[in-house]
Amino acid sequence: MTNLEIVLVLMAILAALASVTQKLKIPYPILLVIAGLVLGFLPIVPDIHLESEVVFLIFLPPLLYEAAGNISWHEFKAYRRPIGLLAVWLVFFTTVTVAVVAHYCIPGFSWPLAFVLGAITSPPDAVAATSATRGLGLPNRLITILEGESLVNDASALIAYRYAVAAVTSGSFIFWQAGLQFLVVAAGGVAIGLAIGYLFRHIHNKLENPTVATTITLLLPFVAYLLAEHLGVSGVLAVVSTGLYLAWNSYEIYSFQTRMQINGFWNILIFLLNGFVFILIGSQMLVILKNIEDHSVGRLIGFGLLISFVAIVTRIIWIFPLAYINSLLDRGKKKRILFRPNELFITSWAGMRGVVSLATALALPLTLSNGKAFPMRNEILFISFMVIFVTLVLQGLTLPFFIRWLNVQEPPGKAVQEEKKIRLAITTSSITYIEGELSMNLHDEVLSELKTRFEQQTNYLNGVLRMDEKPQKGAPPTAANFFREFVESELAVINHQRDLIIQWHKQGTFSEESIRRIEQELDIRSLGLQTQLRRLDPV
């Protein structure tokens, strides 16, 4: 099979499995990893060698960019302390814990090699966390913490990984230099990401073509990642910063046509990238097994299960004391961040590993600085794959059960109730806008029709039937002019409503998810009205 044929087959598999997961209620990544594992053992399918450069350059930037764009900045900032403690200190703690166990329990693992394994297996994956928790009804704060942690922790893990690999290849390691470089690399990545986001925002003001704007959003994560890596700082944090900055300003910089096109394009792109990533993860098992020589497969599976157990338990051990310390630090504040034990367990159980762990394992050099083969490379690859597989399948499959069993879900009608409040506030403000800003320039028939529509919405939302009738004045317009005037005035009202949700977005009045759903409805309505206006214009 050629590369093109393999890609087409994988796309067909993705489409088929997507419908299966919806019916079986199985998290998407798990089924894809298992499907990739099965494909890897089929004799008709050639070995698929996944290069680390492909993962870091092709897959990682757009996946991180899209995940960052879905996080509420207000909630990210509110929970920055637990996110930081998980994304930085838990990564280092897991690295050390795994290294200790690997050094003393796995034959042939020196301290540098053990730290390499610890750094590879330490970061939970942003894509896995987002995919596994989507649609499970978790509280927004838990989703924000899990996704925020998974976005930031890659930088911590990659720093630890680079220094551990350097210690293996060169035989030297200086702790204070590693700490200093972490600060420089992290700060530099954030600065570059914000600069690129700021530059794009001003460039976009001159763009009128939605297709060109969509194309630029595709290029942005790659530009941010490559520029940061070229300058020796964190490409991961550069992409995340760019995504967060543009998500914060997306309500203002994009027209509704551009926003709808961008959303549709990125939905398809992320669906394909997610699918390819997890299928390719599963398919690497046979490729890795073929290179295993020094250890029996059975022993390596045992070592992989051991390290998986250590990684899972380490996260649980870290999170419960962390929550207690965080509550002590918040004591005396008006808004204390308190977590119930069942929420803490779900947070600790949602530490699935994924694409970053596999990519860093594949990126291990083949030789040392003296030309000798990198020791235990195949064993590290196999154990890393086992950790990814076990955490994805075990934790991913059981996570929905634990969420339901421990009742860690939002109340069923909470989102609907919040959306009702947003719509009520929008329609009430729209009536005021119509009476104040539009009434002087509209014919009575248009004004009456427009007000009636929003008053009916308001009455429905309030549960009160109230119809206001006003005396008409002025000469009635022709049918065509009446329709045009009505459509234009409704577009003006929608623009006013969009200003309202931008204001609420900036203030954090409502949840980001609810605001985005309302914004999507306004965009769809705007598109329909613009289409009606174009039909009135002569060709």
Protein backbone atom coordinates (compact mmCIF):
# COMPACT_ATOMS: atom_id res chain seq x y z
CA MET A 1 0.00 0.00 0.00
CA THR A 2 1.24 3.48 -0.83
CA ASN A 3 1.18 6.34 1.67
CA LEU A 4 -1.85 7.84 -0.08
CA GLU A 5 -3.72 4.56 0.10
CA ILE A 6 -2.92 4.24 3.82
CA VAL A 7 -4.23 7.76 4.46
CA LEU A 8 -7.45 7.07 2.56
CA VAL A 9 -7.99 3.79 4.44
CA LEU A 10 -7.43 5.55 7.78
CA MET A 11 -9.93 8.27 6.84
CA ALA A 12 -12.53 5.63 6.02
CA ILE A 13 -11.85 3.91 9.36
CA LEU A 14 -12.21 7.25 11.17
CA ALA A 15 -15.60 7.91 9.60
CA ALA A 16 -16.84 4.43 10.50
CA LEU A 17 -15.55 4.49 14.08
CA ALA A 18 -16.98 7.96 14.72
CA SER A 19 -20.52 6.63 14.30
CA VAL A 20 -19.72 3.56 16.41
CA THR A 21 -18.45 5.59 19.36
CA GLN A 22 -21.61 7.70 19.42
CA LYS A 23 -23.76 4.58 19.71
CA LEU A 24 -21.54 2.71 22.16
CA LYS A 25 -20.82 5.80 24.33
CA ILE A 26 -17.11 4.94 24.27
CA PRO A 27 -14.56 7.80 24.37
CA TYR A 28 -13.29 8.31 20.86
CA PRO A 29 -9.50 8.02 21.54
CA ILE A 30 -9.83 4.60 23.16
CA LEU A 31 -11.56 2.95 20.22
CA LEU A 32 -9.10 4.53 17.81
CA VAL A 33 -6.06 3.29 19.75
CA ILE A 34 -7.50 -0.21 19.83
CA ALA A 35 -8.29 0.00 16.10
CA GLY A 36 -4.72 1.08 15.41
CA LEU A 37 -3.42 -1.80 17.49
CA VAL A 38 -5.51 -4.26 15.48
CA LEU A 39 -4.40 -2.69 12.19
CA GLY A 40 -0.76 -3.02 13.22
CA PHE A 41 -1.10 -6.80 13.51
CA LEU A 42 -2.96 -7.31 10.21
CA PRO A 43 -0.58 -8.85 7.64
CA ILE A 44 -2.06 -6.87 4.75
CA VAL A 45 -1.24 -3.54 6.43
CA PRO A 46 2.40 -2.43 6.11
CA ASP A 47 4.32 -1.13 9.11
CA ILE A 48 3.56 2.53 9.73
CA HIS A 49 6.65 4.24 11.08
CA LEU A 50 5.66 7.41 12.95
CA GLU A 51 8.49 9.94 13.12
CA SER A 52 8.74 12.28 16.09
CA GLU A 53 9.26 15.28 13.79
CA VAL A 54 5.90 14.56 12.15
CA VAL A 55 4.13 14.52 15.52
CA PHE A 56 5.82 17.64 16.88
CA LEU A 57 5.45 19.68 13.70
CA ILE A 58 2.33 18.40 11.93
CA PHE A 59 0.03 17.17 14.69
CA LEU A 60 0.92 18.97 17.92
CA PRO A 61 0.63 22.70 16.95
CA PRO A 62 -2.92 22.63 15.51
CA LEU A 63 -4.19 20.29 18.25
CA LEU A 64 -2.83 22.53 21.01
CA TYR A 65 -4.05 25.68 19.26
CA GLU A 66 -7.60 24.37 18.96
CA ALA A 67 -7.65 23.10 22.55
CA ALA A 68 -6.40 26.48 23.84
CA GLY A 69 -9.10 28.26 21.84
CA ASN A 70 -11.83 26.35 23.68
CA ILE A 71 -10.76 27.34 27.19
CA SER A 72 -12.42 30.22 29.00
CA TRP A 73 -9.74 32.77 29.91
CA HIS A 74 -11.70 33.87 32.98
CA GLU A 75 -11.77 30.34 34.34
CA PHE A 76 -8.17 29.65 33.29
CA LYS A 77 -7.05 32.73 35.24
CA ALA A 78 -9.28 31.87 38.21
CA TYR A 79 -7.76 28.38 38.51
CA ARG A 80 -4.20 29.31 37.52
CA ARG A 81 -2.79 28.11 40.84
CA PRO A 82 -4.09 24.51 40.66
CA ILE A 83 -3.28 24.44 36.95
CA GLY A 84 0.29 25.55 37.66
CA LEU A 85 0.75 23.10 40.51
CA LEU A 86 -0.41 20.26 38.27
CA ALA A 87 1.26 21.38 35.05
CA VAL A 88 4.69 22.09 36.55
CA TRP A 89 5.22 20.52 39.93
CA LEU A 90 3.22 17.34 39.37
CA VAL A 91 5.16 16.75 36.14
CA PHE A 92 8.47 17.00 38.00
CA PHE A 93 7.15 14.92 40.90
CA THR A 94 5.96 12.19 38.51
CA THR A 95 9.28 12.29 36.66
CA VAL A 96 11.19 11.71 39.89
CA THR A 97 8.83 9.01 41.18
CA VAL A 98 8.88 7.03 37.94
CA ALA A 99 12.66 7.43 37.76
CA VAL A 100 13.14 6.00 41.25
CA VAL A 101 10.94 2.98 40.55
CA ALA A 102 12.49 2.38 37.11
CA HIS A 103 16.05 2.60 38.49
CA TYR A 104 15.49 0.11 41.28
CA CYS A 105 13.01 -2.26 39.60
CA ILE A 106 14.00 -2.47 35.91
CA PRO A 107 17.39 -4.08 35.18
CA GLY A 108 19.78 -1.91 33.21
CA PHE A 109 18.12 1.42 33.93
CA SER A 110 20.73 3.88 35.13
CA TRP A 111 19.62 7.11 36.82
CA PRO A 112 19.79 9.17 33.58
CA LEU A 113 17.81 6.52 31.66
CA ALA A 114 15.27 6.32 34.47
CA PHE A 115 14.77 10.09 34.36
CA VAL A 116 14.30 9.91 30.59
CA LEU A 117 11.49 7.41 31.10
CA GLY A 118 10.01 9.55 33.87
CA ALA A 119 10.00 12.67 31.71
CA ILE A 120 8.38 10.83 28.80
CA THR A 121 5.55 9.38 30.87
CA SER A 122 4.90 12.37 33.14
CA PRO A 123 2.58 14.71 31.15
CA PRO A 124 -1.14 13.96 30.66
CA ASP A 125 -2.21 14.73 27.12
CA ALA A 126 -4.35 17.73 26.11
CA VAL A 127 -6.03 15.89 23.24
CA ALA A 128 -6.81 12.84 25.36
CA ALA A 129 -8.16 14.95 28.23
CA THR A 130 -10.39 17.00 25.93
CA SER A 131 -11.70 13.99 24.02
CA ALA A 132 -12.28 11.79 27.05
CA THR A 133 -14.16 14.38 29.13
CA ARG A 134 -16.25 15.97 26.37
CA GLY A 135 -19.96 15.38 26.78
CA LEU A 136 -19.69 13.82 30.25
CA GLY A 137 -21.28 16.77 32.06
CA LEU A 138 -18.25 17.64 34.20
CA PRO A 139 -18.34 21.00 35.99
CA ASN A 140 -16.68 23.75 33.97
CA ARG A 141 -13.98 24.31 36.58
CA LEU A 142 -12.82 20.68 36.41
CA ILE A 143 -12.75 20.80 32.60
CA THR A 144 -10.76 24.05 32.71
CA ILE A 145 -8.23 22.63 35.18
CA LEU A 146 -7.76 19.38 33.25
CA GLU A 147 -7.45 21.05 29.87
CA GLY A 148 -5.34 23.92 31.21
CA GLU A 149 -2.97 21.48 32.90
CA SER A 150 -2.64 19.41 29.73
CA LEU A 151 -1.84 22.48 27.66
CA VAL A 152 0.90 23.83 29.94
CA ASN A 153 2.50 20.63 31.24
CA ASP A 154 4.04 19.71 27.89
CA ALA A 155 6.59 22.49 28.31
CA SER A 156 7.59 21.20 31.76
CA ALA A 157 7.90 17.63 30.52
CA LEU A 158 9.93 18.60 27.45
CA ILE A 159 12.41 20.55 29.57
CA ALA A 160 12.86 17.58 31.90
CA TYR A 161 13.14 15.28 28.87
CA ARG A 162 15.81 17.35 27.14
CA TYR A 163 18.00 17.51 30.22
CA ALA A 164 17.55 13.81 30.96
CA VAL A 165 18.52 12.90 27.39
CA ALA A 166 21.49 15.27 27.59
CA ALA A 167 22.59 13.54 30.79
CA VAL A 168 22.50 10.18 28.98
CA THR A 169 24.28 11.33 25.83
CA SER A 170 26.91 13.56 27.44
CA GLY A 171 27.01 12.20 30.99
CA SER A 172 26.55 15.61 32.67
CA PHE A 173 23.67 17.45 34.33
CA ILE A 174 23.60 20.77 36.23
CA PHE A 175 20.40 21.31 38.22
CA TRP A 176 20.48 25.11 38.49
CA GLN A 177 20.98 25.46 34.74
CA ALA A 178 17.92 23.30 34.11
CA GLY A 179 15.81 25.43 36.45
CA LEU A 180 17.00 28.67 34.87
CA GLN A 181 16.41 27.38 31.36
CA PHE A 182 12.89 26.33 32.27
CA LEU A 183 12.03 29.90 33.27
CA VAL A 184 13.64 31.38 30.15
CA VAL A 185 12.08 28.83 27.80
CA ALA A 186 8.61 29.21 29.33
CA ALA A 187 8.65 33.03 29.43
CA GLY A 188 10.06 33.24 25.91
CA GLY A 189 7.40 30.91 24.53
CA VAL A 190 4.58 32.88 26.12
CA ALA A 191 6.01 36.20 24.85
CA ILE A 192 6.34 34.96 21.28
CA GLY A 193 2.85 33.49 21.31
CA LEU A 194 1.29 36.73 22.55
CA ALA A 195 3.27 38.77 20.01
CA ILE A 196 2.09 36.59 17.11
CA GLY A 197 -1.50 36.76 18.34
CA TYR A 198 -1.30 40.56 18.67
CA LEU A 199 0.20 40.88 15.18
CA PHE A 200 -2.46 38.67 13.62
CA ARG A 201 -5.23 40.65 15.30
CA HIS A 202 -4.07 43.82 13.57
CA ILE A 203 -3.47 42.08 10.25
CA HIS A 204 -6.93 40.59 10.34
CA ASN A 205 -8.50 44.04 10.58
CA LYS A 206 -7.43 44.54 6.95
CA LEU A 207 -8.73 41.17 5.75
CA GLU A 208 -12.18 40.94 4.19
CA ASN A 209 -11.99 37.50 2.63
CA PRO A 210 -13.10 34.75 5.06
CA THR A 211 -11.16 32.12 3.10
CA VAL A 212 -7.90 34.05 3.46
CA ALA A 213 -8.56 34.62 7.17
CA THR A 214 -9.27 30.91 7.67
CA THR A 215 -6.06 30.00 5.86
CA ILE A 216 -4.07 32.30 8.13
CA THR A 217 -5.58 30.69 11.26
CA LEU A 218 -4.29 27.37 9.92
CA LEU A 219 -0.78 28.81 9.54
CA LEU A 220 -0.69 30.56 12.93
CA PRO A 221 0.04 27.55 15.19
CA PHE A 222 2.83 26.37 12.87
CA VAL A 223 4.37 29.84 12.70
CA ALA A 224 4.24 30.24 16.48
CA TYR A 225 5.71 26.79 17.08
CA LEU A 226 8.51 27.02 14.50
CA LEU A 227 9.54 30.56 15.46
CA ALA A 228 9.69 29.70 19.15
CA GLU A 229 11.62 26.48 18.57
CA HIS A 230 14.02 28.30 16.24
CA LEU A 231 14.71 30.84 19.00
CA GLY A 232 15.24 28.08 21.57
CA VAL A 233 12.10 28.68 23.64
CA SER A 234 8.94 26.64 24.18
CA GLY A 235 7.00 26.10 20.98
CA VAL A 236 4.23 24.46 22.98
CA LEU A 237 3.65 27.52 25.16
CA ALA A 238 3.92 29.80 22.13
CA VAL A 239 1.07 27.94 20.41
CA VAL A 240 -1.02 27.85 23.59
CA SER A 241 -0.51 31.59 24.21
CA THR A 242 -1.48 32.44 20.63
CA GLY A 243 -4.61 30.29 20.93
CA LEU A 244 -5.64 31.81 24.26
CA TYR A 245 -5.06 35.39 23.04
CA LEU A 246 -7.07 34.96 19.84
CA ALA A 247 -9.85 33.06 21.63
CA TRP A 248 -10.18 35.98 24.03
CA ASN A 249 -10.46 38.46 21.13
CA SER A 250 -12.29 36.27 18.60
CA TYR A 251 -15.66 37.85 19.37
CA GLU A 252 -14.38 41.18 18.10
CA ILE A 253 -11.90 40.44 15.33
CA TYR A 254 -13.95 37.97 13.25
CA SER A 255 -17.05 38.70 11.23
CA PHE A 256 -19.82 36.15 11.51
CA GLN A 257 -19.00 34.82 8.01
CA THR A 258 -15.35 34.32 8.92
CA ARG A 259 -16.15 32.81 12.30
CA MET A 260 -18.57 30.28 10.81
CA GLN A 261 -16.08 29.27 8.14
CA ILE A 262 -13.24 28.98 10.66
CA ASN A 263 -15.34 26.87 13.02
CA GLY A 264 -16.42 24.51 10.26
CA PHE A 265 -12.91 24.14 8.89
CA TRP A 266 -11.31 23.52 12.28
CA ASN A 267 -13.98 21.01 13.31
CA ILE A 268 -13.10 18.84 10.32
CA LEU A 269 -9.35 19.35 10.71
CA ILE A 270 -9.29 18.45 14.40
CA PHE A 271 -11.50 15.43 13.79
CA LEU A 272 -9.00 14.10 11.24
CA LEU A 273 -5.88 14.96 13.25
CA ASN A 274 -7.26 13.44 16.46
CA GLY A 275 -8.22 10.31 14.61
CA PHE A 276 -4.89 9.91 12.86
CA VAL A 277 -2.95 10.51 16.08
CA PHE A 278 -4.69 7.86 18.13
CA ILE A 279 -4.80 5.28 15.35
CA LEU A 280 -1.08 5.81 14.75
CA ILE A 281 -0.40 5.44 18.48
CA GLY A 282 -2.05 2.03 18.43
CA SER A 283 -0.29 0.99 15.23
CA GLN A 284 3.18 1.53 16.73
CA MET A 285 2.98 -1.52 18.99
CA LEU A 286 4.08 -4.03 16.36
CA VAL A 287 6.78 -1.69 15.05
CA ILE A 288 8.21 -1.38 18.58
CA LEU A 289 7.91 -5.11 19.28
CA LYS A 290 10.00 -5.98 16.23
CA ASN A 291 12.95 -4.10 17.71
CA ILE A 292 12.81 -5.77 21.15
CA GLU A 293 15.71 -8.16 21.64
CA ASP A 294 17.24 -8.04 25.10
CA HIS A 295 14.11 -8.63 27.17
CA SER A 296 11.21 -10.97 26.76
CA VAL A 297 7.93 -9.34 25.84
CA GLY A 298 6.28 -10.75 28.95
CA ARG A 299 8.77 -9.06 31.27
CA LEU A 300 8.45 -5.78 29.42
CA ILE A 301 4.68 -5.90 29.71
CA GLY A 302 5.12 -6.38 33.45
CA PHE A 303 7.48 -3.38 33.62
CA GLY A 304 5.02 -1.33 31.57
CA LEU A 305 2.16 -2.19 33.92
CA LEU A 306 4.36 -1.29 36.90
CA ILE A 307 5.26 2.15 35.52
CA SER A 308 1.61 2.72 34.55
CA PHE A 309 0.56 1.94 38.11
CA VAL A 310 3.20 4.31 39.49
CA ALA A 311 2.13 7.14 37.16
CA ILE A 312 -1.55 6.74 38.09
CA VAL A 313 -0.97 6.44 41.85
CA THR A 314 1.51 9.33 41.90
CA ARG A 315 -1.13 11.64 40.47
CA ILE A 316 -3.69 10.53 43.07
CA ILE A 317 -1.17 10.99 45.91
CA TRP A 318 -0.29 14.47 44.67
CA ILE A 319 -3.78 15.88 44.06
CA PHE A 320 -5.46 15.28 47.42
CA PRO A 321 -2.80 17.09 49.54
CA LEU A 322 -2.61 19.74 46.82
CA ALA A 323 -6.30 20.55 47.25
CA TYR A 324 -5.85 20.92 51.00
CA ILE A 325 -2.86 23.25 50.56
CA ASN A 326 -4.76 25.27 47.98
CA SER A 327 -7.70 25.72 50.37
CA LEU A 328 -5.30 26.95 53.08
CA LEU A 329 -3.82 29.51 50.70
CA ASP A 330 -7.33 30.70 49.81
CA ARG A 331 -8.42 31.03 53.44
CA GLY A 332 -9.79 34.49 54.10
CA LYS A 333 -10.54 35.21 50.43
CA LYS A 334 -14.05 35.95 49.27
CA LYS A 335 -13.86 33.33 46.51
CA ARG A 336 -12.27 30.17 47.86
CA ILE A 337 -11.62 27.28 45.50
CA LEU A 338 -12.97 24.23 47.31
CA PHE A 339 -13.14 20.75 45.83
CA ARG A 340 -15.11 17.82 47.10
CA PRO A 341 -13.33 14.44 47.43
CA ASN A 342 -15.28 12.98 44.51
CA GLU A 343 -14.16 15.88 42.28
CA LEU A 344 -10.57 15.37 43.38
CA PHE A 345 -10.72 11.69 42.49
CA ILE A 346 -12.07 12.44 39.01
CA THR A 347 -9.32 15.01 38.51
CA SER A 348 -6.71 12.48 39.57
CA TRP A 349 -8.21 9.73 37.41
CA ALA A 350 -8.28 11.85 34.23
CA GLY A 351 -4.51 11.75 33.66
CA MET A 352 -4.42 9.96 30.31
CA ARG A 353 -1.13 10.00 28.42
CA GLY A 354 -1.04 10.50 24.67
CA VAL A 355 0.68 12.01 21.70
CA VAL A 356 3.38 14.03 23.50
CA SER A 357 4.63 11.00 25.42
CA LEU A 358 4.82 8.93 22.25
CA ALA A 359 6.51 11.72 20.28
CA THR A 360 9.19 12.29 22.92
CA ALA A 361 9.84 8.54 23.10
CA LEU A 362 10.21 8.35 19.32
CA ALA A 363 12.52 11.37 19.42
CA LEU A 364 15.13 9.52 21.47
CA PRO A 365 18.46 9.65 19.61
CA LEU A 366 19.79 6.46 18.11
CA THR A 367 23.36 7.02 19.29
CA LEU A 368 25.31 8.72 22.07
CA SER A 369 27.92 11.43 21.59
CA ASN A 370 30.63 8.74 21.42
CA GLY A 371 28.84 6.92 18.61
CA LYS A 372 27.52 4.02 20.69
CA ALA A 373 23.85 3.01 20.51
CA PHE A 374 21.49 4.77 22.89
CA PRO A 375 21.05 2.28 25.75
CA MET A 376 17.65 0.66 26.40
CA ARG A 377 16.03 2.75 23.65
CA ASN A 378 13.60 0.05 22.49
CA GLU A 379 12.69 -0.84 26.07
CA ILE A 380 11.90 2.81 26.85
CA LEU A 381 9.75 2.98 23.72
CA PHE A 382 7.81 -0.14 24.67
CA ILE A 383 7.25 0.87 28.30
CA SER A 384 6.17 4.36 27.21
CA PHE A 385 3.67 2.84 24.81
CA MET A 386 2.35 0.60 27.58
CA VAL A 387 1.77 3.62 29.84
CA ILE A 388 -0.08 5.44 27.03
CA PHE A 389 -2.18 2.39 26.25
CA VAL A 390 -3.02 1.52 29.87
CA THR A 391 -3.93 5.07 30.90
CA LEU A 392 -6.00 5.69 27.78
CA VAL A 393 -7.91 2.41 27.88
CA LEU A 394 -8.18 1.79 31.63
CA GLN A 395 -8.81 5.35 32.76
CA GLY A 396 -10.67 6.43 29.64
CA LEU A 397 -13.12 3.52 29.78
CA THR A 398 -13.78 3.81 33.51
CA LEU A 399 -13.91 7.62 33.70
CA PRO A 400 -17.58 7.91 32.57
CA PHE A 401 -18.57 5.25 35.12
CA PHE A 402 -16.79 7.05 37.99
CA ILE A 403 -18.29 10.39 36.97
CA ARG A 404 -21.80 8.95 37.14
CA TRP A 405 -21.15 6.83 40.25
CA LEU A 406 -19.61 9.71 42.20
CA ASN A 407 -22.16 12.18 40.83
CA VAL A 408 -19.55 14.63 39.56
CA GLN A 409 -21.80 16.28 37.01
CA GLU A 410 -23.47 19.59 36.51
CA PRO A 411 -27.19 19.66 37.39
CA PRO A 412 -29.14 18.51 34.30
CA GLY A 413 -30.87 21.84 33.64
CA LYS A 414 -28.07 24.22 34.63
CA ALA A 415 -26.80 24.93 31.11
CA VAL A 416 -30.33 25.34 29.77
CA GLN A 417 -31.22 27.69 32.62
CA GLU A 418 -28.13 29.82 31.99
CA GLU A 419 -28.88 30.05 28.28
CA LYS A 420 -32.43 31.12 29.13
CA LYS A 421 -31.05 33.93 31.29
CA ILE A 422 -28.76 35.06 28.47
CA ARG A 423 -31.59 35.06 25.94
CA LEU A 424 -33.87 36.94 28.32
CA ALA A 425 -31.21 39.60 28.90
CA ILE A 426 -30.58 39.85 25.16
CA THR A 427 -34.23 40.22 24.16
CA THR A 428 -34.96 42.73 26.94
CA SER A 429 -32.00 44.86 25.89
CA SER A 430 -32.98 44.49 22.22
CA ILE A 431 -36.44 45.96 22.86
CA THR A 432 -34.83 48.92 24.61
CA TYR A 433 -32.44 49.32 21.67
CA ILE A 434 -35.29 49.18 19.15
CA GLU A 435 -37.32 51.78 21.03
CA GLY A 436 -34.36 54.08 21.59
CA GLU A 437 -32.02 53.76 18.59
CA LEU A 438 -34.17 52.47 15.73
CA SER A 439 -37.67 53.87 16.35
CA MET A 440 -36.98 57.30 14.82
CA ASN A 441 -35.86 55.88 11.46
CA LEU A 442 -38.29 53.00 10.92
CA HIS A 443 -41.78 52.86 9.46
CA ASP A 444 -44.47 51.97 11.93
CA GLU A 445 -45.11 48.58 10.31
CA VAL A 446 -41.44 47.58 10.51
CA LEU A 447 -41.13 48.86 14.05
CA SER A 448 -44.25 47.00 15.15
CA GLU A 449 -43.19 43.74 13.49
CA LEU A 450 -39.69 43.95 14.93
CA LYS A 451 -40.83 44.75 18.45
CA THR A 452 -43.49 42.07 18.36
CA ARG A 453 -40.91 39.39 17.55
CA PHE A 454 -38.67 40.24 20.50
CA GLU A 455 -41.55 40.89 22.84
CA GLN A 456 -42.91 37.44 22.10
CA GLN A 457 -39.50 35.97 22.89
CA THR A 458 -39.39 37.93 26.13
CA ASN A 459 -42.90 36.85 27.11
CA TYR A 460 -42.07 33.23 26.37
CA LEU A 461 -38.90 33.35 28.45
CA ASN A 462 -40.69 35.02 31.33
CA GLY A 463 -43.67 32.71 31.07
CA VAL A 464 -45.99 35.71 30.67
CA LEU A 465 -48.17 36.46 27.67
CA ARG A 466 -48.00 40.18 27.06
CA MET A 467 -48.72 41.90 23.77
CA ASP A 468 -48.13 45.62 23.39
CA GLU A 469 -49.83 47.46 20.57
CA LYS A 470 -48.87 50.94 19.50
CA PRO A 471 -50.80 53.24 17.16
CA GLN A 472 -49.39 53.29 13.67
CA LYS A 473 -48.27 56.47 11.99
CA GLY A 474 -46.95 57.38 8.60
CA ALA A 475 -47.66 55.94 5.17
CA PRO A 476 -47.17 52.22 4.71
CA PRO A 477 -44.13 51.31 2.62
CA THR A 478 -44.20 49.07 -0.42
CA ALA A 479 -43.80 45.34 0.18
CA ALA A 480 -40.19 45.22 -1.07
CA ASN A 481 -39.09 48.25 0.94
CA PHE A 482 -40.93 46.94 3.99
CA PHE A 483 -39.06 43.65 3.78
CA ARG A 484 -35.66 45.29 3.20
CA GLU A 485 -36.17 47.70 6.06
CA PHE A 486 -37.24 44.89 8.35
CA VAL A 487 -34.21 42.72 7.49
CA GLU A 488 -31.76 45.61 7.87
CA SER A 489 -33.26 46.62 11.20
CA GLU A 490 -33.11 43.03 12.49
CA LEU A 491 -29.43 42.89 11.48
CA ALA A 492 -28.89 46.07 13.49
CA VAL A 493 -30.55 44.42 16.50
CA ILE A 494 -28.35 41.33 16.09
CA ASN A 495 -25.25 43.55 16.02
CA HIS A 496 -26.47 45.09 19.26
CA GLN A 497 -26.94 41.62 20.72
CA ARG A 498 -23.44 40.67 19.62
CA ASP A 499 -22.07 43.71 21.44
CA LEU A 500 -23.83 42.47 24.56
CA ILE A 501 -22.27 39.01 24.47
CA ILE A 502 -18.83 40.54 23.82
CA GLN A 503 -19.33 42.61 26.96
CA TRP A 504 -20.42 39.55 28.96
CA HIS A 505 -17.46 37.60 27.57
CA LYS A 506 -15.03 40.26 28.75
CA GLN A 507 -16.68 40.51 32.16
CA GLY A 508 -17.11 36.76 32.65
CA THR A 509 -20.82 37.22 33.41
CA PHE A 510 -21.81 33.84 31.95
CA SER A 511 -19.93 30.66 31.10
CA GLU A 512 -17.89 30.67 27.89
CA GLU A 513 -19.69 27.61 26.58
CA SER A 514 -23.13 29.22 26.86
CA ILE A 515 -21.96 32.47 25.29
CA ARG A 516 -20.45 30.61 22.34
CA ARG A 517 -23.67 28.72 21.71
CA ILE A 518 -25.62 32.00 21.68
CA GLU A 519 -22.99 33.55 19.40
CA GLN A 520 -23.33 30.64 16.99
CA GLU A 521 -27.10 31.19 16.85
CA LEU A 522 -26.57 34.89 16.09
CA ASP A 523 -24.07 34.03 13.35
CA ILE A 524 -26.50 31.61 11.71
CA ARG A 525 -29.30 34.17 11.88
CA SER A 526 -27.00 36.88 10.43
CA LEU A 527 -26.06 34.63 7.54
CA GLY A 528 -29.73 34.01 6.72
CA LEU A 529 -30.58 37.72 6.82
CA GLN A 530 -27.57 38.67 4.68
CA THR A 531 -28.63 36.06 2.12
CA GLN A 532 -32.14 37.55 2.02
CA LEU A 533 -30.69 41.04 1.46
CA ARG A 534 -28.51 39.86 -1.42
CA ARG A 535 -31.56 38.38 -3.13
CA LEU A 536 -33.24 41.81 -3.07
CA ASP A 537 -30.33 43.47 -4.86
CA PRO A 538 -30.37 43.45 -8.68
CA VAL A 539 -27.82 41.18 -10.35
